[in-house]
Amino acid sequence: MYNSRLEHYLDEMERPLTRLSAETRREWREEARQHLLDLVAAHEELGASPQEAMEAALRQFGDARQIGRQLQRAAQEQTMGPGAALALFSPLLIAAILLLTGCAYAYVLSGSLLAYTVLQWAGVGAFLAVPILGGWRVGRRRSARRLGRPALAALALPTLLFLPIASVFLIPMIGSPWQGATPDCRWGLLWFPMAVASQMAASYRYRRLKSHA
C-alpha cells in the first residue's frame, strides 16, 4: 500500500510530460521520488506511522498533475530557443519555395493566364502561411504565460533570415517577374507581427486546453 500510493502519485505527476523524452521523464520521476522519500523519513522521525508519513509528504509536495504541468512548462522554456524556432519554420519555408517554384515552371512552360494567376495566389498564400503556421508551431512548443524576450528572439531569428525570401513570395502579385521587379524587404517585415500573433494565439489556446484537462 505504501509503495503503490507513491507510484500512483508519480504516475499522475508524469502524465502531463508527454512531450519530454523517456529519459528526461525517468530522471525527473526519480528525483521526485527521492524528495518524497526524504519527506516521508522526516515525518516518521516526528512520530508518524509509515502510512501517515506518506500522506503528509504527498500533501506537502503538492498536487501531482499541477507539478507535472509546471515541469512541462519549465522544460519547454529551457529548450525552446531561436534554433528550435528556426527548425520549426524551415520545413514550411521549403514547402512554400517548392510550391512557388512548381507554379513558376508551369507558367514558363505554358504561358497561360491561368498558370500566372495560380502563381500569384501561391505567392500570397506562401507569404501568409509560413509565418502564421510557423508562429503557431512555436506557440505550441512554448506554453509561456506571456510573450517574453526569449519568445521574441525565437521568432525574430527566422524572420530576419527569411526576410529576402519572404519578399520574393509577393513578387508575382505586386509586379511582373519578367519586367525587372525586385524583392522589397519591407514586405517581409510583416512576417514578424503575423508570427508573434500566431504564437500568442497558440500559447493561449493550449494553456486553456491544458488547464481544463
Protein backbone atom coordinates (compact mmCIF):
# COMPACT_ATOMS: atom_id res chain seq x y z
CA MET A 1 0.00 0.00 0.00
CA TYR A 2 2.88 2.32 0.95
CA ASN A 3 4.70 1.87 -2.38
CA SER A 4 1.57 1.76 -4.54
CA ARG A 5 0.43 5.13 -3.20
CA LEU A 6 3.82 6.63 -4.05
CA GLU A 7 3.89 5.11 -7.54
CA HIS A 8 0.35 6.30 -8.28
CA TYR A 9 1.35 9.83 -7.29
CA LEU A 10 4.43 9.70 -9.52
CA ASP A 11 2.33 8.35 -12.40
CA GLU A 12 -0.02 11.32 -12.07
CA MET A 13 2.91 13.74 -11.99
CA GLU A 14 4.46 12.17 -15.10
CA ARG A 15 1.24 12.10 -17.12
CA PRO A 16 1.43 15.73 -18.40
CA LEU A 17 5.06 15.28 -19.51
CA THR A 18 4.09 13.83 -22.88
CA ARG A 19 6.43 15.98 -24.96
CA LEU A 20 9.57 15.13 -22.99
CA SER A 21 11.88 12.24 -23.75
CA ALA A 22 11.55 9.00 -21.80
CA GLU A 23 14.98 9.56 -20.25
CA THR A 24 14.06 13.05 -19.04
CA ARG A 25 10.78 11.81 -17.58
CA ARG A 26 12.61 9.00 -15.80
CA GLU A 27 15.17 11.40 -14.32
CA TRP A 28 12.52 13.75 -13.02
CA ARG A 29 10.48 10.87 -11.65
CA GLU A 30 13.45 9.53 -9.69
CA GLU A 31 14.30 12.99 -8.40
CA ALA A 32 10.71 13.50 -7.21
CA ARG A 33 10.73 10.04 -5.64
CA GLN A 34 13.85 10.84 -3.65
CA HIS A 35 12.43 14.14 -2.43
CA LEU A 36 9.23 12.39 -1.33
CA LEU A 37 11.11 9.63 0.48
CA ASP A 38 13.14 12.27 2.31
CA LEU A 39 9.92 13.97 3.39
CA VAL A 40 8.45 10.64 4.48
CA ALA A 41 11.54 9.91 6.58
CA ALA A 42 11.32 13.34 8.19
CA HIS A 43 7.66 12.79 9.17
CA GLU A 44 8.44 9.33 10.53
CA GLU A 45 11.16 10.81 12.73
CA LEU A 46 8.46 13.08 14.16
CA GLY A 47 6.46 10.02 15.18
CA ALA A 48 4.08 9.45 12.27
CA SER A 49 3.30 5.94 11.05
CA PRO A 50 4.61 4.99 7.58
CA GLN A 51 1.18 5.49 6.02
CA GLU A 52 0.58 8.80 7.80
CA ALA A 53 4.08 9.96 6.87
CA MET A 54 3.44 9.15 3.19
CA GLU A 55 0.15 11.04 3.08
CA ALA A 56 1.69 14.03 4.85
CA ALA A 57 4.62 14.05 2.42
CA LEU A 58 2.33 13.94 -0.61
CA ARG A 59 0.21 16.80 0.74
CA GLN A 60 3.34 18.82 1.42
CA PHE A 61 4.73 18.11 -2.05
CA GLY A 62 1.58 19.37 -3.77
CA ASP A 63 -0.88 18.35 -6.49
CA ALA A 64 0.77 15.82 -8.81
CA ARG A 65 -0.89 17.00 -12.04
CA GLN A 66 -0.09 20.64 -11.34
CA ILE A 67 3.55 19.81 -10.63
CA GLY A 68 3.72 17.86 -13.88
CA ARG A 69 2.35 20.80 -15.86
CA GLN A 70 4.85 23.14 -14.22
CA LEU A 71 7.71 20.80 -15.08
CA GLN A 72 6.50 20.61 -18.68
CA ARG A 73 6.39 24.39 -18.98
CA ALA A 74 9.83 24.75 -17.41
CA ALA A 75 11.33 22.23 -19.82
CA GLN A 76 9.76 23.92 -22.82
CA GLU A 77 11.04 27.33 -21.73
CA GLN A 78 14.54 25.90 -21.43
CA THR A 79 14.59 24.01 -24.73
CA MET A 80 12.69 26.42 -26.96
CA GLY A 81 15.10 28.95 -28.42
CA PRO A 82 15.88 30.65 -31.71
CA GLY A 83 17.45 27.50 -33.12
CA ALA A 84 14.37 25.41 -32.33
CA ALA A 85 12.09 28.06 -33.82
CA LEU A 86 14.19 28.07 -36.97
CA ALA A 87 13.82 24.29 -37.19
CA LEU A 88 10.03 24.65 -36.92
CA PHE A 89 9.88 27.30 -39.64
CA SER A 90 12.25 25.62 -42.09
CA PRO A 91 10.01 22.76 -43.37
CA LEU A 92 7.21 25.26 -44.01
CA LEU A 93 9.56 27.54 -45.89
CA ILE A 94 10.93 24.71 -48.01
CA ALA A 95 7.42 23.57 -48.88
CA ALA A 96 6.46 27.13 -49.85
CA ILE A 97 9.53 27.51 -52.07
CA LEU A 98 8.82 24.20 -53.81
CA LEU A 99 5.20 25.21 -54.38
CA LEU A 100 6.17 28.58 -55.85
CA THR A 101 8.91 27.02 -57.99
CA GLY A 102 6.47 24.48 -59.40
CA CYS A 103 3.93 27.19 -60.21
CA ALA A 104 6.62 29.34 -61.84
CA TYR A 105 7.76 26.45 -64.06
CA ALA A 106 4.17 25.74 -65.04
CA TYR A 107 3.74 29.39 -66.07
CA VAL A 108 7.03 29.49 -68.02
CA LEU A 109 6.24 26.29 -69.88
CA SER A 110 2.61 27.08 -70.65
CA GLY A 111 2.49 30.88 -70.64
CA SER A 112 -1.18 30.65 -69.75
CA LEU A 113 -3.03 33.33 -67.82
CA LEU A 114 -4.45 30.67 -65.50
CA ALA A 115 -0.95 29.47 -64.58
CA TYR A 116 0.12 33.04 -63.81
CA THR A 117 -2.97 33.60 -61.65
CA VAL A 118 -2.18 30.42 -59.73
CA LEU A 119 1.41 31.64 -59.35
CA GLN A 120 0.20 34.96 -57.95
CA TRP A 121 -2.06 33.42 -55.34
CA ALA A 122 0.50 30.75 -54.47
CA GLY A 123 2.93 33.56 -53.64
CA VAL A 124 0.42 35.31 -51.43
CA GLY A 125 -0.55 32.02 -49.78
CA ALA A 126 3.09 31.14 -49.09
CA PHE A 127 3.79 34.62 -47.75
CA LEU A 128 0.91 34.36 -45.27
CA ALA A 129 1.03 30.67 -44.39
CA VAL A 130 4.71 30.34 -43.44
CA PRO A 131 4.81 32.94 -40.60
CA ILE A 132 1.32 32.07 -39.35
CA LEU A 133 1.88 28.31 -39.23
CA GLY A 134 5.46 28.78 -38.03
CA GLY A 135 4.37 31.05 -35.21
CA TRP A 136 1.61 28.61 -34.34
CA ARG A 137 4.10 25.74 -34.10
CA VAL A 138 6.40 27.81 -31.90
CA GLY A 139 3.45 28.72 -29.69
CA ARG A 140 2.57 25.06 -29.22
CA ARG A 141 6.10 24.31 -28.09
CA ARG A 142 6.21 27.32 -25.81
CA SER A 143 3.48 27.24 -23.18
CA ALA A 144 4.66 30.59 -21.81
CA ARG A 145 2.33 32.62 -19.63
CA ARG A 146 3.22 35.74 -21.57
CA LEU A 147 5.24 36.70 -24.59
CA GLY A 148 8.71 37.50 -23.24
CA ARG A 149 12.09 38.25 -24.71
CA PRO A 150 13.02 34.59 -25.36
CA ALA A 151 9.85 34.17 -27.43
CA LEU A 152 10.54 37.33 -29.40
CA ALA A 153 14.11 36.22 -30.05
CA ALA A 154 12.91 32.80 -31.16
CA LEU A 155 10.60 34.40 -33.69
CA ALA A 156 12.96 37.19 -34.74
CA LEU A 157 15.72 34.89 -35.99
CA PRO A 158 13.69 33.07 -38.67
CA THR A 159 12.05 36.38 -39.59
CA LEU A 160 15.42 38.02 -40.25
CA LEU A 161 16.88 35.01 -42.05
CA PHE A 162 13.83 34.56 -44.26
CA LEU A 163 13.29 38.27 -44.93
CA PRO A 164 14.61 38.25 -48.53
CA ILE A 165 12.76 35.04 -49.37
CA ALA A 166 9.56 36.37 -47.82
CA SER A 167 9.69 39.45 -50.02
CA VAL A 168 10.20 37.27 -53.12
CA PHE A 169 6.94 35.44 -52.46
CA LEU A 170 4.93 38.57 -53.24
CA ILE A 171 6.69 39.48 -56.49
CA PRO A 172 4.13 37.68 -58.71
CA MET A 173 1.35 39.65 -57.05
CA ILE A 174 2.89 43.12 -56.78
CA GLY A 175 4.84 43.14 -60.06
CA SER A 176 5.71 41.13 -63.12
CA PRO A 177 8.78 38.93 -62.55
CA TRP A 178 9.68 39.37 -66.22
CA GLN A 179 9.87 43.18 -66.15
CA GLY A 180 12.63 43.83 -63.66
CA ALA A 181 10.56 43.56 -60.48
CA THR A 182 12.82 43.26 -57.42
CA PRO A 183 12.13 41.99 -53.90
CA ASP A 184 11.06 44.63 -51.41
CA CYS A 185 12.19 43.51 -47.96
CA ARG A 186 9.75 45.89 -46.29
CA TRP A 187 7.02 43.43 -47.18
CA GLY A 188 8.95 40.72 -45.40
CA LEU A 189 8.77 42.66 -42.13
CA LEU A 190 5.09 41.77 -41.99
CA TRP A 191 6.19 38.23 -41.16
CA PHE A 192 7.17 39.19 -37.63
CA PRO A 193 3.82 40.57 -36.35
CA MET A 194 1.99 37.69 -38.04
CA ALA A 195 4.27 35.14 -36.38
CA VAL A 196 4.00 36.86 -32.97
CA ALA A 197 0.20 36.98 -33.16
CA SER A 198 0.07 33.30 -34.12
CA GLN A 199 2.43 32.34 -31.30
CA MET A 200 0.33 34.21 -28.74
CA ALA A 201 -2.87 32.61 -30.03
CA ALA A 202 -1.37 29.13 -29.90
CA SER A 203 0.10 29.64 -26.42
CA TYR A 204 -3.23 30.93 -25.10
CA ARG A 205 -5.23 28.12 -26.70
CA TYR A 206 -3.03 25.32 -25.41
CA ARG A 207 -2.82 26.82 -21.93
CA ARG A 208 -6.61 26.88 -21.82
CA LEU A 209 -6.85 23.28 -23.05
CA LYS A 210 -4.32 22.07 -20.50
CA SER A 211 -5.94 23.98 -17.65
CA HIS A 212 -9.23 22.18 -18.36
CA ALA A 213 -7.58 18.77 -18.82
